[in-house]
């Protein structure tokens, strides 16, 4: 393959179609002498004269006649492969399965609107939501997943990213919790018992560093894998949960089924904001269907993100 010149395929296609060195040269924009040299190379490569003189013209050999249709198809296929994708994407007939890796909290909040939007535009497209046990980029590199949603890590610098929205943390307690009966001060907040959501099982969260600066420490009695689990525990107990604002639908109290029975409140200390992004491997950059998926995910999440937290979708 190292010595193969794909230009010879186009030249052979032109020679067999024209039956003339001059005609083939004109078709390819070459001089007659250059095309004669190319014919000599083709004869050497195939071990056949291909075109032989008959009077003042050239006639194909039996081998050339046998190859004519096949060479034409191959040349056409090569031109198609090596040309820009010109056919517009028709999402209404697109048949494809996309795998999206996201946290349980994202799936709880955004999967419903996303599935509804996708199925309305592309009824033959299927979505597979995969769990997100870590930030390992190997599944993106290996093609196991098409799109990842979450906080950008530093393990795969080649991965493409686009911001979807920014989130921040709030507290959540069951409706009627004593903490909600007065101002939520750092002292009253720290004195409560807490449930923490941590994929790695950590007993501390973003709020603990801020409390430590005030000489305070939370009483953490439970650690669960995801925010929906923390919400369920807070709803059924006196434990306080720390949640992204988007988990409560962007409101301090919400009619969203996921948040029913819970009341949100602003934390009495400042915590870092969270940047939620879409991530994909560079090889999918130019794929029209994947680009449509990215644009749709961003548009849906932008519409459903907490008010004032969404970042406008950018191409």
C-alpha atoms as a PDB file:
ATOM      1  CA  UNK A   1       0.000   0.000   0.000  1.00  0.00           C
ATOM      2  CA  UNK A   2       2.962   2.363   0.596  1.00  0.00           C
ATOM      3  CA  UNK A   3       3.757   2.416  -3.138  1.00  0.00           C
ATOM      4  CA  UNK A   4       0.171   2.608  -4.369  1.00  0.00           C
ATOM      5  CA  UNK A   5      -0.842   5.827  -6.132  1.00  0.00           C
ATOM      6  CA  UNK A   6      -4.611   6.348  -5.968  1.00  0.00           C
ATOM      7  CA  UNK A   7      -4.313   8.873  -8.809  1.00  0.00           C
ATOM      8  CA  UNK A   8      -3.712   5.921 -11.114  1.00  0.00           C
ATOM      9  CA  UNK A   9      -7.272   4.745 -10.486  1.00  0.00           C
ATOM     10  CA  UNK A  10      -8.747   8.012 -11.768  1.00  0.00           C
ATOM     11  CA  UNK A  11      -6.382   7.952 -14.744  1.00  0.00           C
ATOM     12  CA  UNK A  12      -7.323   4.377 -15.627  1.00  0.00           C
ATOM     13  CA  UNK A  13     -11.012   5.247 -15.366  1.00  0.00           C
ATOM     14  CA  UNK A  14     -10.527   8.167 -17.771  1.00  0.00           C
ATOM     15  CA  UNK A  15      -8.439   6.117 -20.241  1.00  0.00           C
ATOM     16  CA  UNK A  16     -10.948   3.278 -20.365  1.00  0.00           C
ATOM     17  CA  UNK A  17     -13.868   5.661 -20.722  1.00  0.00           C
ATOM     18  CA  UNK A  18     -12.247   7.785 -23.474  1.00  0.00           C
ATOM     19  CA  UNK A  19     -10.281   5.053 -25.265  1.00  0.00           C
ATOM     20  CA  UNK A  20      -7.781   7.786 -26.039  1.00  0.00           C
ATOM     21  CA  UNK A  21      -4.717   9.246 -24.370  1.00  0.00           C
ATOM     22  CA  UNK A  22      -5.622  12.706 -25.651  1.00  0.00           C
ATOM     23  CA  UNK A  23      -9.236  12.438 -24.479  1.00  0.00           C
ATOM     24  CA  UNK A  24      -8.213  11.146 -21.035  1.00  0.00           C
ATOM     25  CA  UNK A  25      -5.646  13.949 -20.697  1.00  0.00           C
ATOM     26  CA  UNK A  26      -8.282  16.548 -21.550  1.00  0.00           C
ATOM     27  CA  UNK A  27     -10.705  15.071 -18.991  1.00  0.00           C
ATOM     28  CA  UNK A  28      -8.130  15.186 -16.192  1.00  0.00           C
ATOM     29  CA  UNK A  29      -6.548  18.495 -17.175  1.00  0.00           C
ATOM     30  CA  UNK A  30      -3.167  16.932 -18.022  1.00  0.00           C
ATOM     31  CA  UNK A  31      -0.890  17.138 -21.004  1.00  0.00           C
ATOM     32  CA  UNK A  32      -0.898  14.303 -23.527  1.00  0.00           C
ATOM     33  CA  UNK A  33       2.731  13.454 -22.666  1.00  0.00           C
ATOM     34  CA  UNK A  34       1.887  13.243 -18.925  1.00  0.00           C
ATOM     35  CA  UNK A  35      -1.023  10.947 -19.665  1.00  0.00           C
ATOM     36  CA  UNK A  36       1.235   8.765 -21.865  1.00  0.00           C
ATOM     37  CA  UNK A  37       3.634   8.393 -18.954  1.00  0.00           C
ATOM     38  CA  UNK A  38       0.709   7.517 -16.666  1.00  0.00           C
ATOM     39  CA  UNK A  39      -0.469   4.846 -19.118  1.00  0.00           C
ATOM     40  CA  UNK A  40       3.028   3.344 -19.020  1.00  0.00           C
ATOM     41  CA  UNK A  41       2.845   3.215 -15.229  1.00  0.00           C
ATOM     42  CA  UNK A  42      -0.589   1.567 -15.409  1.00  0.00           C
ATOM     43  CA  UNK A  43       0.715  -1.072 -17.818  1.00  0.00           C
ATOM     44  CA  UNK A  44       3.573  -1.812 -15.422  1.00  0.00           C
ATOM     45  CA  UNK A  45       1.260  -1.959 -12.391  1.00  0.00           C
ATOM     46  CA  UNK A  46      -1.358  -4.233 -14.002  1.00  0.00           C
ATOM     47  CA  UNK A  47       0.946  -6.318 -16.172  1.00  0.00           C
ATOM     48  CA  UNK A  48      -1.328  -5.701 -19.169  1.00  0.00           C
ATOM     49  CA  UNK A  49      -1.076  -3.327 -22.173  1.00  0.00           C
ATOM     50  CA  UNK A  50      -4.638  -2.121 -21.434  1.00  0.00           C
ATOM     51  CA  UNK A  51      -4.897  -0.013 -24.613  1.00  0.00           C
ATOM     52  CA  UNK A  52      -3.205  -1.072 -27.869  1.00  0.00           C
ATOM     53  CA  UNK A  53      -2.955   0.691 -31.209  1.00  0.00           C
ATOM     54  CA  UNK A  54      -5.386  -0.289 -33.964  1.00  0.00           C
ATOM     55  CA  UNK A  55      -4.882   1.915 -37.012  1.00  0.00           C
ATOM     56  CA  UNK A  56      -4.895   5.519 -35.819  1.00  0.00           C
ATOM     57  CA  UNK A  57      -6.743   4.761 -32.577  1.00  0.00           C
ATOM     58  CA  UNK A  58      -6.467   2.635 -29.441  1.00  0.00           C
ATOM     59  CA  UNK A  59      -8.568  -0.362 -28.488  1.00  0.00           C
ATOM     60  CA  UNK A  60      -8.882  -1.979 -25.039  1.00  0.00           C
ATOM     61  CA  UNK A  61      -7.448  -5.384 -24.328  1.00  0.00           C
ATOM     62  CA  UNK A  62      -9.738  -8.098 -22.928  1.00  0.00           C
ATOM     63  CA  UNK A  63      -8.336  -7.348 -19.458  1.00  0.00           C
ATOM     64  CA  UNK A  64      -9.140  -3.643 -19.859  1.00  0.00           C
ATOM     65  CA  UNK A  65     -12.680  -4.451 -21.013  1.00  0.00           C
ATOM     66  CA  UNK A  66     -13.101  -6.706 -17.984  1.00  0.00           C
ATOM     67  CA  UNK A  67     -11.910  -3.946 -15.645  1.00  0.00           C
ATOM     68  CA  UNK A  68     -13.826  -1.002 -17.150  1.00  0.00           C
ATOM     69  CA  UNK A  69     -17.032  -1.140 -15.073  1.00  0.00           C
ATOM     70  CA  UNK A  70     -15.274  -2.165 -11.891  1.00  0.00           C
ATOM     71  CA  UNK A  71     -12.705   0.613 -12.200  1.00  0.00           C
ATOM     72  CA  UNK A  72     -15.444   3.170 -12.837  1.00  0.00           C
ATOM     73  CA  UNK A  73     -17.308   2.091  -9.672  1.00  0.00           C
ATOM     74  CA  UNK A  74     -14.128   2.151  -7.613  1.00  0.00           C
ATOM     75  CA  UNK A  75     -13.183   5.608  -8.858  1.00  0.00           C
ATOM     76  CA  UNK A  76     -16.670   6.899  -8.082  1.00  0.00           C
ATOM     77  CA  UNK A  77     -16.540   5.417  -4.581  1.00  0.00           C
ATOM     78  CA  UNK A  78     -13.120   6.944  -3.917  1.00  0.00           C
ATOM     79  CA  UNK A  79     -14.359  10.377  -5.031  1.00  0.00           C
ATOM     80  CA  UNK A  80     -17.341  10.016  -2.723  1.00  0.00           C
ATOM     81  CA  UNK A  81     -15.210   9.012   0.258  1.00  0.00           C
ATOM     82  CA  UNK A  82     -12.667  11.774  -0.307  1.00  0.00           C
ATOM     83  CA  UNK A  83     -15.220  14.539  -0.934  1.00  0.00           C
ATOM     84  CA  UNK A  84     -17.032  16.656   1.669  1.00  0.00           C
ATOM     85  CA  UNK A  85     -20.306  15.230   2.923  1.00  0.00           C
ATOM     86  CA  UNK A  86     -22.750  17.174   0.770  1.00  0.00           C
ATOM     87  CA  UNK A  87     -26.000  15.373   1.560  1.00  0.00           C
ATOM     88  CA  UNK A  88     -27.983  17.309   4.165  1.00  0.00           C
ATOM     89  CA  UNK A  89     -28.942  15.485   7.331  1.00  0.00           C
ATOM     90  CA  UNK A  90     -32.580  14.380   7.435  1.00  0.00           C
ATOM     91  CA  UNK A  91     -33.250  13.842  11.140  1.00  0.00           C
ATOM     92  CA  UNK A  92     -36.810  12.671  10.402  1.00  0.00           C
ATOM     93  CA  UNK A  93     -35.376   9.495   8.805  1.00  0.00           C
ATOM     94  CA  UNK A  94     -32.168   9.228  10.851  1.00  0.00           C
ATOM     95  CA  UNK A  95     -31.741   5.754  12.367  1.00  0.00           C
ATOM     96  CA  UNK A  96     -29.082   5.783  15.073  1.00  0.00           C
ATOM     97  CA  UNK A  97     -28.494   5.015  18.730  1.00  0.00           C
ATOM     98  CA  UNK A  98     -26.633   7.597  20.806  1.00  0.00           C
ATOM     99  CA  UNK A  99     -25.140   6.806  24.202  1.00  0.00           C
ATOM    100  CA  UNK A 100     -25.036   9.679  26.690  1.00  0.00           C
ATOM    101  CA  UNK A 101     -23.117   9.346  29.955  1.00  0.00           C
ATOM    102  CA  UNK A 102     -24.418  11.590  32.713  1.00  0.00           C
ATOM    103  CA  UNK A 103     -24.959  11.671  36.451  1.00  0.00           C
ATOM    104  CA  UNK A 104     -28.161  10.367  37.991  1.00  0.00           C
ATOM    105  CA  UNK A 105     -29.119  13.917  38.894  1.00  0.00           C
ATOM    106  CA  UNK A 106     -28.839  15.083  35.291  1.00  0.00           C
ATOM    107  CA  UNK A 107     -30.904  12.133  34.064  1.00  0.00           C
ATOM    108  CA  UNK A 108     -33.577  12.820  36.682  1.00  0.00           C
ATOM    109  CA  UNK A 109     -33.868  16.464  35.707  1.00  0.00           C
ATOM    110  CA  UNK A 110     -33.168  16.628  31.962  1.00  0.00           C
ATOM    111  CA  UNK A 111     -33.667  13.172  30.406  1.00  0.00           C
ATOM    112  CA  UNK A 112     -37.440  13.580  30.117  1.00  0.00           C
ATOM    113  CA  UNK A 113     -37.391  16.858  28.131  1.00  0.00           C
ATOM    114  CA  UNK A 114     -34.460  15.615  26.060  1.00  0.00           C
ATOM    115  CA  UNK A 115     -36.145  12.342  25.075  1.00  0.00           C
ATOM    116  CA  UNK A 116     -39.341  14.209  24.216  1.00  0.00           C
ATOM    117  CA  UNK A 117     -37.490  16.655  21.967  1.00  0.00           C
ATOM    118  CA  UNK A 118     -35.407  13.951  20.262  1.00  0.00           C
ATOM    119  CA  UNK A 119     -38.344  11.644  19.544  1.00  0.00           C
ATOM    120  CA  UNK A 120     -40.416  14.498  18.161  1.00  0.00           C
ATOM    121  CA  UNK A 121     -37.705  15.532  15.688  1.00  0.00           C
ATOM    122  CA  UNK A 122     -36.156  12.114  14.983  1.00  0.00           C
ATOM    123  CA  UNK A 123     -38.570   9.242  15.745  1.00  0.00           C
ATOM    124  CA  UNK A 124     -36.041   6.590  14.655  1.00  0.00           C
ATOM    125  CA  UNK A 125     -33.273   7.794  16.987  1.00  0.00           C
ATOM    126  CA  UNK A 126     -32.719   5.964  20.265  1.00  0.00           C
ATOM    127  CA  UNK A 127     -30.988   7.299  23.368  1.00  0.00           C
ATOM    128  CA  UNK A 128     -29.051   5.151  25.822  1.00  0.00           C
ATOM    129  CA  UNK A 129     -28.207   6.828  29.145  1.00  0.00           C
ATOM    130  CA  UNK A 130     -25.115   5.287  30.736  1.00  0.00           C
ATOM    131  CA  UNK A 131     -24.115   5.651  34.407  1.00  0.00           C
ATOM    132  CA  UNK A 132     -21.197   7.885  35.289  1.00  0.00           C
ATOM    133  CA  UNK A 133     -19.054   6.200  37.954  1.00  0.00           C
ATOM    134  CA  UNK A 134     -16.045   8.451  37.257  1.00  0.00           C
ATOM    135  CA  UNK A 135     -14.560  11.009  34.859  1.00  0.00           C
ATOM    136  CA  UNK A 136     -12.468   8.517  32.861  1.00  0.00           C
ATOM    137  CA  UNK A 137     -12.279   9.684  29.230  1.00  0.00           C
ATOM    138  CA  UNK A 138     -11.564   6.211  27.833  1.00  0.00           C
ATOM    139  CA  UNK A 139     -15.215   5.489  26.897  1.00  0.00           C
ATOM    140  CA  UNK A 140     -15.243   8.691  24.810  1.00  0.00           C
ATOM    141  CA  UNK A 141     -11.954   7.790  23.152  1.00  0.00           C
ATOM    142  CA  UNK A 142     -13.039   4.190  22.565  1.00  0.00           C
ATOM    143  CA  UNK A 143     -16.437   5.130  21.134  1.00  0.00           C
ATOM    144  CA  UNK A 144     -18.417   3.439  23.915  1.00  0.00           C
ATOM    145  CA  UNK A 145     -20.258   6.692  24.561  1.00  0.00           C
ATOM    146  CA  UNK A 146     -21.105   9.529  22.166  1.00  0.00           C
ATOM    147  CA  UNK A 147     -21.584  12.406  24.571  1.00  0.00           C
ATOM    148  CA  UNK A 148     -20.750  13.046  28.198  1.00  0.00           C
ATOM    149  CA  UNK A 149     -22.477  15.601  30.402  1.00  0.00           C
ATOM    150  CA  UNK A 150     -20.813  16.954  33.524  1.00  0.00           C
ATOM    151  CA  UNK A 151     -17.929  18.934  34.955  1.00  0.00           C
ATOM    152  CA  UNK A 152     -14.906  19.068  32.659  1.00  0.00           C
ATOM    153  CA  UNK A 153     -11.920  17.079  33.926  1.00  0.00           C
ATOM    154  CA  UNK A 154      -8.228  17.374  33.080  1.00  0.00           C
ATOM    155  CA  UNK A 155      -7.525  13.781  32.030  1.00  0.00           C
ATOM    156  CA  UNK A 156      -8.224  14.178  28.301  1.00  0.00           C
ATOM    157  CA  UNK A 157      -7.065  17.510  26.851  1.00  0.00           C
ATOM    158  CA  UNK A 158      -8.104  16.540  23.308  1.00  0.00           C
ATOM    159  CA  UNK A 159     -11.776  16.175  24.246  1.00  0.00           C
ATOM    160  CA  UNK A 160     -14.057  18.873  22.809  1.00  0.00           C
ATOM    161  CA  UNK A 161     -16.305  20.745  25.252  1.00  0.00           C
ATOM    162  CA  UNK A 162     -19.202  23.209  25.185  1.00  0.00           C
ATOM    163  CA  UNK A 163     -20.723  24.850  28.235  1.00  0.00           C
ATOM    164  CA  UNK A 164     -24.398  24.097  28.795  1.00  0.00           C
ATOM    165  CA  UNK A 165     -25.167  26.014  31.974  1.00  0.00           C
ATOM    166  CA  UNK A 166     -23.740  27.043  35.316  1.00  0.00           C
ATOM    167  CA  UNK A 167     -25.250  25.736  38.521  1.00  0.00           C
ATOM    168  CA  UNK A 168     -24.794  26.480  42.197  1.00  0.00           C
ATOM    169  CA  UNK A 169     -25.514  24.701  45.458  1.00  0.00           C
ATOM    170  CA  UNK A 170     -28.512  25.237  47.703  1.00  0.00           C
ATOM    171  CA  UNK A 171     -29.779  23.489  50.816  1.00  0.00           C
ATOM    172  CA  UNK A 172     -32.925  21.362  50.868  1.00  0.00           C
ATOM    173  CA  UNK A 173     -35.054  20.178  53.772  1.00  0.00           C
ATOM    174  CA  UNK A 174     -38.464  18.593  54.144  1.00  0.00           C
ATOM    175  CA  UNK A 175     -41.368  21.004  54.196  1.00  0.00           C
ATOM    176  CA  UNK A 176     -41.972  22.009  57.828  1.00  0.00           C
ATOM    177  CA  UNK A 177     -38.396  21.383  58.960  1.00  0.00           C
ATOM    178  CA  UNK A 178     -37.513  23.475  62.069  1.00  0.00           C
ATOM    179  CA  UNK A 179     -34.521  24.985  60.259  1.00  0.00           C
ATOM    180  CA  UNK A 180     -36.910  26.772  57.893  1.00  0.00           C
ATOM    181  CA  UNK A 181     -38.826  28.512  60.689  1.00  0.00           C
ATOM    182  CA  UNK A 182     -36.259  31.305  61.022  1.00  0.00           C
ATOM    183  CA  UNK A 183     -33.192  32.782  59.351  1.00  0.00           C
ATOM    184  CA  UNK A 184     -30.785  30.083  58.166  1.00  0.00           C
ATOM    185  CA  UNK A 185     -27.549  31.159  59.823  1.00  0.00           C
ATOM    186  CA  UNK A 186     -24.250  29.275  59.520  1.00  0.00           C
ATOM    187  CA  UNK A 187     -24.598  28.156  63.138  1.00  0.00           C
ATOM    188  CA  UNK A 188     -28.154  26.811  62.772  1.00  0.00           C
ATOM    189  CA  UNK A 189     -27.233  25.147  59.471  1.00  0.00           C
ATOM    190  CA  UNK A 190     -24.154  23.418  60.937  1.00  0.00           C
ATOM    191  CA  UNK A 191     -26.077  22.160  63.976  1.00  0.00           C
ATOM    192  CA  UNK A 192     -28.447  20.120  61.758  1.00  0.00           C
ATOM    193  CA  UNK A 193     -27.795  16.570  60.694  1.00  0.00           C
ATOM    194  CA  UNK A 194     -26.852  16.216  57.030  1.00  0.00           C
ATOM    195  CA  UNK A 195     -26.877  13.759  54.111  1.00  0.00           C
ATOM    196  CA  UNK A 196     -24.129  14.107  51.495  1.00  0.00           C
ATOM    197  CA  UNK A 197     -24.211  12.968  47.866  1.00  0.00           C
ATOM    198  CA  UNK A 198     -20.807  11.736  46.735  1.00  0.00           C
ATOM    199  CA  UNK A 199     -19.952   9.378  43.904  1.00  0.00           C
ATOM    200  CA  UNK A 200     -16.676   8.543  45.698  1.00  0.00           C
ATOM    201  CA  UNK A 201     -18.253   8.166  49.144  1.00  0.00           C
ATOM    202  CA  UNK A 202     -16.648  11.290  50.626  1.00  0.00           C
ATOM    203  CA  UNK A 203     -18.077  12.655  53.897  1.00  0.00           C
ATOM    204  CA  UNK A 204     -17.439  16.291  53.028  1.00  0.00           C
ATOM    205  CA  UNK A 205     -18.744  18.577  50.291  1.00  0.00           C
ATOM    206  CA  UNK A 206     -18.293  22.070  48.852  1.00  0.00           C
ATOM    207  CA  UNK A 207     -19.868  23.752  51.851  1.00  0.00           C
ATOM    208  CA  UNK A 208     -17.537  22.298  54.472  1.00  0.00           C
ATOM    209  CA  UNK A 209     -14.498  24.411  53.612  1.00  0.00           C
ATOM    210  CA  UNK A 210     -16.575  27.594  53.942  1.00  0.00           C
ATOM    211  CA  UNK A 211     -17.970  26.455  57.300  1.00  0.00           C
ATOM    212  CA  UNK A 212     -14.499  25.558  58.544  1.00  0.00           C
ATOM    213  CA  UNK A 213     -13.372  29.151  58.010  1.00  0.00           C
ATOM    214  CA  UNK A 214     -16.075  30.140  60.517  1.00  0.00           C
ATOM    215  CA  UNK A 215     -15.002  27.465  62.984  1.00  0.00           C
ATOM    216  CA  UNK A 216     -18.062  25.335  62.214  1.00  0.00           C
ATOM    217  CA  UNK A 217     -18.522  21.750  61.164  1.00  0.00           C
ATOM    218  CA  UNK A 218     -21.546  19.901  59.830  1.00  0.00           C
ATOM    219  CA  UNK A 219     -22.909  16.718  61.399  1.00  0.00           C
ATOM    220  CA  UNK A 220     -22.889  14.348  58.407  1.00  0.00           C
ATOM    221  CA  UNK A 221     -24.682  11.091  59.179  1.00  0.00           C
ATOM    222  CA  UNK A 222     -25.234   9.601  55.705  1.00  0.00           C
ATOM    223  CA  UNK A 223     -23.450   9.468  52.341  1.00  0.00           C
ATOM    224  CA  UNK A 224     -25.305   8.377  49.188  1.00  0.00           C
ATOM    225  CA  UNK A 225     -24.162   7.955  45.555  1.00  0.00           C
ATOM    226  CA  UNK A 226     -26.292  10.674  43.951  1.00  0.00           C
ATOM    227  CA  UNK A 227     -28.367  13.795  44.525  1.00  0.00           C
ATOM    228  CA  UNK A 228     -31.744  12.098  43.907  1.00  0.00           C
ATOM    229  CA  UNK A 229     -30.911   9.703  46.761  1.00  0.00           C
ATOM    230  CA  UNK A 230     -30.078  12.640  49.022  1.00  0.00           C
ATOM    231  CA  UNK A 231     -33.381  14.290  48.080  1.00  0.00           C
ATOM    232  CA  UNK A 232     -35.362  11.173  48.972  1.00  0.00           C
ATOM    233  CA  UNK A 233     -33.674  10.908  52.372  1.00  0.00           C
ATOM    234  CA  UNK A 234     -34.160  14.608  53.142  1.00  0.00           C
ATOM    235  CA  UNK A 235     -37.822  14.358  52.172  1.00  0.00           C
ATOM    236  CA  UNK A 236     -38.396  11.475  54.620  1.00  0.00           C
ATOM    237  CA  UNK A 237     -36.278  12.663  57.563  1.00  0.00           C
ATOM    238  CA  UNK A 238     -34.862  15.694  59.343  1.00  0.00           C
ATOM    239  CA  UNK A 239     -31.572  15.456  57.456  1.00  0.00           C
ATOM    240  CA  UNK A 240     -30.483  18.421  55.345  1.00  0.00           C
ATOM    241  CA  UNK A 241     -29.324  17.829  51.750  1.00  0.00           C
ATOM    242  CA  UNK A 242     -26.871  19.862  49.695  1.00  0.00           C
ATOM    243  CA  UNK A 243     -28.043  19.994  46.068  1.00  0.00           C
ATOM    244  CA  UNK A 244     -27.395  21.752  42.765  1.00  0.00           C
ATOM    245  CA  UNK A 245     -30.138  24.312  42.225  1.00  0.00           C
ATOM    246  CA  UNK A 246     -31.167  22.527  39.021  1.00  0.00           C
ATOM    247  CA  UNK A 247     -32.281  19.507  41.069  1.00  0.00           C
ATOM    248  CA  UNK A 248     -35.156  21.612  42.380  1.00  0.00           C
ATOM    249  CA  UNK A 249     -36.023  22.931  38.962  1.00  0.00           C
ATOM    250  CA  UNK A 250     -34.406  26.288  39.563  1.00  0.00           C
ATOM    251  CA  UNK A 251     -36.856  27.386  42.241  1.00  0.00           C
ATOM    252  CA  UNK A 252     -36.510  27.489  46.019  1.00  0.00           C
ATOM    253  CA  UNK A 253     -39.662  25.381  46.130  1.00  0.00           C
ATOM    254  CA  UNK A 254     -40.955  23.472  43.166  1.00  0.00           C
ATOM    255  CA  UNK A 255     -43.927  21.495  41.931  1.00  0.00           C
ATOM    256  CA  UNK A 256     -41.558  19.162  40.101  1.00  0.00           C
ATOM    257  CA  UNK A 257     -42.295  15.550  41.226  1.00  0.00           C
ATOM    258  CA  UNK A 258     -38.626  15.073  42.054  1.00  0.00           C
ATOM    259  CA  UNK A 259     -38.758  17.985  44.500  1.00  0.00           C
ATOM    260  CA  UNK A 260     -42.223  17.519  46.018  1.00  0.00           C
ATOM    261  CA  UNK A 261     -42.144  17.625  49.790  1.00  0.00           C
ATOM    262  CA  UNK A 262     -38.848  19.521  49.803  1.00  0.00           C
ATOM    263  CA  UNK A 263     -38.142  23.200  50.351  1.00  0.00           C
ATOM    264  CA  UNK A 264     -34.956  24.755  49.092  1.00  0.00           C
ATOM    265  CA  UNK A 265     -33.056  27.549  50.820  1.00  0.00           C
ATOM    266  CA  UNK A 266     -30.019  29.655  50.104  1.00  0.00           C
ATOM    267  CA  UNK A 267     -26.891  28.462  51.868  1.00  0.00           C
ATOM    268  CA  UNK A 268     -25.603  30.728  54.647  1.00  0.00           C
ATOM    269  CA  UNK A 269     -22.065  30.469  53.195  1.00  0.00           C
ATOM    270  CA  UNK A 270     -20.674  30.943  49.701  1.00  0.00           C
ATOM    271  CA  UNK A 271     -19.760  27.858  47.626  1.00  0.00           C
ATOM    272  CA  UNK A 272     -18.131  27.578  44.168  1.00  0.00           C
ATOM    273  CA  UNK A 273     -20.423  27.516  41.166  1.00  0.00           C
ATOM    274  CA  UNK A 274     -20.526  24.426  38.961  1.00  0.00           C
ATOM    275  CA  UNK A 275     -19.916  24.509  35.204  1.00  0.00           C
ATOM    276  CA  UNK A 276     -21.906  21.809  33.390  1.00  0.00           C
ATOM    277  CA  UNK A 277     -20.574  20.968  29.909  1.00  0.00           C
ATOM    278  CA  UNK A 278     -21.116  18.600  27.020  1.00  0.00           C
ATOM    279  CA  UNK A 279     -18.002  16.609  26.063  1.00  0.00           C
ATOM    280  CA  UNK A 280     -17.205  14.498  23.009  1.00  0.00           C
ATOM    281  CA  UNK A 281     -14.232  13.074  21.131  1.00  0.00           C
ATOM    282  CA  UNK A 282     -12.774  15.155  18.250  1.00  0.00           C
ATOM    283  CA  UNK A 283     -13.445  12.400  15.721  1.00  0.00           C
ATOM    284  CA  UNK A 284     -17.175  13.147  16.077  1.00  0.00           C
ATOM    285  CA  UNK A 285     -16.725  16.880  15.455  1.00  0.00           C
ATOM    286  CA  UNK A 286     -17.738  16.895  11.786  1.00  0.00           C
ATOM    287  CA  UNK A 287     -20.369  14.155  11.957  1.00  0.00           C
ATOM    288  CA  UNK A 288     -23.698  15.842  11.030  1.00  0.00           C
ATOM    289  CA  UNK A 289     -25.819  13.546  13.192  1.00  0.00           C
ATOM    290  CA  UNK A 290     -23.582  14.033  16.227  1.00  0.00           C
ATOM    291  CA  UNK A 291     -23.571  17.796  15.679  1.00  0.00           C
ATOM    292  CA  UNK A 292     -27.376  17.719  15.638  1.00  0.00           C
ATOM    293  CA  UNK A 293     -27.375  15.701  18.880  1.00  0.00           C
ATOM    294  CA  UNK A 294     -25.063  18.231  20.558  1.00  0.00           C
ATOM    295  CA  UNK A 295     -27.145  21.175  19.427  1.00  0.00           C
ATOM    296  CA  UNK A 296     -30.341  19.500  20.624  1.00  0.00           C
ATOM    297  CA  UNK A 297     -28.903  18.621  24.038  1.00  0.00           C
ATOM    298  CA  UNK A 298     -27.679  22.167  24.520  1.00  0.00           C
ATOM    299  CA  UNK A 299     -30.982  23.699  23.408  1.00  0.00           C
ATOM    300  CA  UNK A 300     -33.063  21.460  25.695  1.00  0.00           C
ATOM    301  CA  UNK A 301     -30.794  21.951  28.711  1.00  0.00           C
ATOM    302  CA  UNK A 302     -30.620  25.674  28.050  1.00  0.00           C
ATOM    303  CA  UNK A 303     -34.416  25.856  28.163  1.00  0.00           C
ATOM    304  CA  UNK A 304     -34.700  23.705  31.296  1.00  0.00           C
ATOM    305  CA  UNK A 305     -31.757  25.154  33.249  1.00  0.00           C
ATOM    306  CA  UNK A 306     -32.378  27.327  36.298  1.00  0.00           C
ATOM    307  CA  UNK A 307     -33.311  30.909  35.384  1.00  0.00           C
ATOM    308  CA  UNK A 308     -30.231  33.066  35.013  1.00  0.00           C
ATOM    309  CA  UNK A 309     -27.910  30.047  34.997  1.00  0.00           C
ATOM    310  CA  UNK A 310     -28.050  28.989  31.359  1.00  0.00           C
ATOM    311  CA  UNK A 311     -25.346  29.972  28.905  1.00  0.00           C
ATOM    312  CA  UNK A 312     -26.574  30.751  25.363  1.00  0.00           C
ATOM    313  CA  UNK A 313     -26.006  27.904  22.908  1.00  0.00           C
ATOM    314  CA  UNK A 314     -23.039  28.531  20.623  1.00  0.00           C
ATOM    315  CA  UNK A 315     -22.120  26.754  17.394  1.00  0.00           C
END
